[in-house]
Amino acid sequence: MKGGEPLDASRISTGSAGLDAVLRGGLPDNRVYLLEGAPGSGKTTLALRYLLEGVGRGERVLYVTLSETSEELEAVAASHGWSLDGVDLFELASANEVLGDGREQSILYPWEMELGGTVRLIQEKVEEVRPSRVVFDSLSEMRLLAQDPLRYRRQVLALKQFFVGRHITVVLVDDLTGENGQRDAHLHSLCHGVISLERLTLDFGAARRRLEVQKLRGVDFVAGFHDFTIRTGGLEVYPRLIATEHQAPFAGDPTPSGVIELDNLLAGGPLRGTSTLVTGPAGAGKTTVALQYLYAACERGEASALFEFDERVGTLLVRARAMGLDLQKHIDSGVLTIMQIDPAEISPGEFAWTIRRQVEDRSARVLVIDSLIGYLASMPQEEQLILQMHELLSYLNHQGVVTFLIYPQAGLVGGMGTGTLNISYVADAVILIRFFEVEGRLRKAISIIKNRGGAHEDTIRELRIDARGIRVGEPLTAFKGVMTGTPQYAGDTGPLMEPRAVGD
């Protein structure tokens, strides 16, 4: 099972590989579960996929609906390319036999219906079909029929007791429309497990969805919230990343860039299993430095990936080619993957899952995220963003991946802020690029602020980027105040680099 653990004999699949992974292998069978969430959160889609998984395994399945018609369910199935052939539908919403006297009846008038009779009809249908999977949609209609909380809970308990011993795995659906939308603690206690779905509306961009397994007796499931999306084919769940569960052996050797002077700054290059933050003002060459390491990895045949939040991929390829870095040939060969990330359409969980697929499916060894500002902008209302990034970087480090994080500083020259996300403390190495002015010309300086992986130069060197790539000059020993952007020259000779001569 992709992204999860294999099912054992006592577990059944939900039809979602991601959810099965959250459940550590699926649902224990022959139990009653509660699936709750507000309208539009994805309950019906998940319930149908759960039943169709059973159909695919040759099981009899039953969908009992009090709230939706068979036409509505077929429309939902069709939107995902599914057929409901093999699914027994029991539609109580329009069944005249609920009263058993031939009178016209509608679920819209629950005070005229007899709850006990409804429950008996369900039991009779179960005895007739003898399914191994049942979905009951929804408990809100039973609340309306009961009109009394005590009577409603007694009937739910009666249903649970009816299913016990019949080797049926039941999913009860609740849309939380009763009791002011509050969760029913008594109902939670009756069920073996509870899965809650949420739909969150942001100020801008697509709605975000997440789920939480609130309880699952006897199972060490992955607790917390897990982002998910509804795509054609069902729910795609992105299990919350726990870095310590994903460790792989690797050699922590340096990763060279192909530019000797640049590699010397980090004593040969960033080590495997470390993250490097490349920071500085806009236009200073941060992306170019990261691309140099990425291109060198591709030249060595190492699978690599670039996640582009800010710049259009086409523009990036043209700019790289102008500096002698032909990324397109490595894309064509399959060594390099460049993914354009839409900041308004992705959640932290989905982004982490996308990175995991590159690492685990393609064995990517070098990753570049350009930039963290785009990552931050894509999730402005997410809490604990720094913790999610820390977990992601820890995972990549455990996998022996070399990660480059591009993070623009606020401002262009002079004093610059670090922005709203202080990511420098979680990075293993920090490369700082600065502008400085000399005799009316704007130049760039590069230095290493820290390197947890080993030794690094403490010098400040000039950085130049031209059509033939990156050059790193000698230490700027004749200057002081370079990192402030307003250096003072104190030497007797010119230590600065000039444009390359023809044939140099």
Foldseek 3Di string as FASTA:
>chain_A
DPPADAADPQFDALLARQVCRLQRHHAGFLFEEEEEAAPPLAPLLSQLSSVVSQVVVVWQEEEEAQDDDPVVSQVSQVQLPHDCVRYHYHYPQFDPCQVPPPDGDGLVCLCVGALVSVLVVVLVVCVVRLTQEYEYPALVSLCVNQVDVVSSLVSVLVSRVSSHPSNHYYYYYYNQPPPVSDDDPSVCVSGQWYKYKYWADDPDFDIWIWMATPHHPPTPGNGDIWTWDADNSGIHTQGQFAQVVAFDDDDFDAQALPAVVVCQQVPRHGTFLFEEEEEEAPPLCSVQSLVSSVLSCVVVVAAEEEEAQDDDPVVVQVVCVLQVRRVVVSVVVRSYYYHYDHLRYDDLSRVLVVVVCCCVVVVHAEYEYHEVVSVCSSCVPDPPPLVSVLSSSSNSSSSRHYYYHYAYWADAAFDTHRPDDDNVVSGQWYKYKHWADDPRDIWIKIHTPHHNVDDGDGFIWTWDGGSNGIDTFDGQPQWPPVVRRYIDGRDDDDRDDDDDDVPD
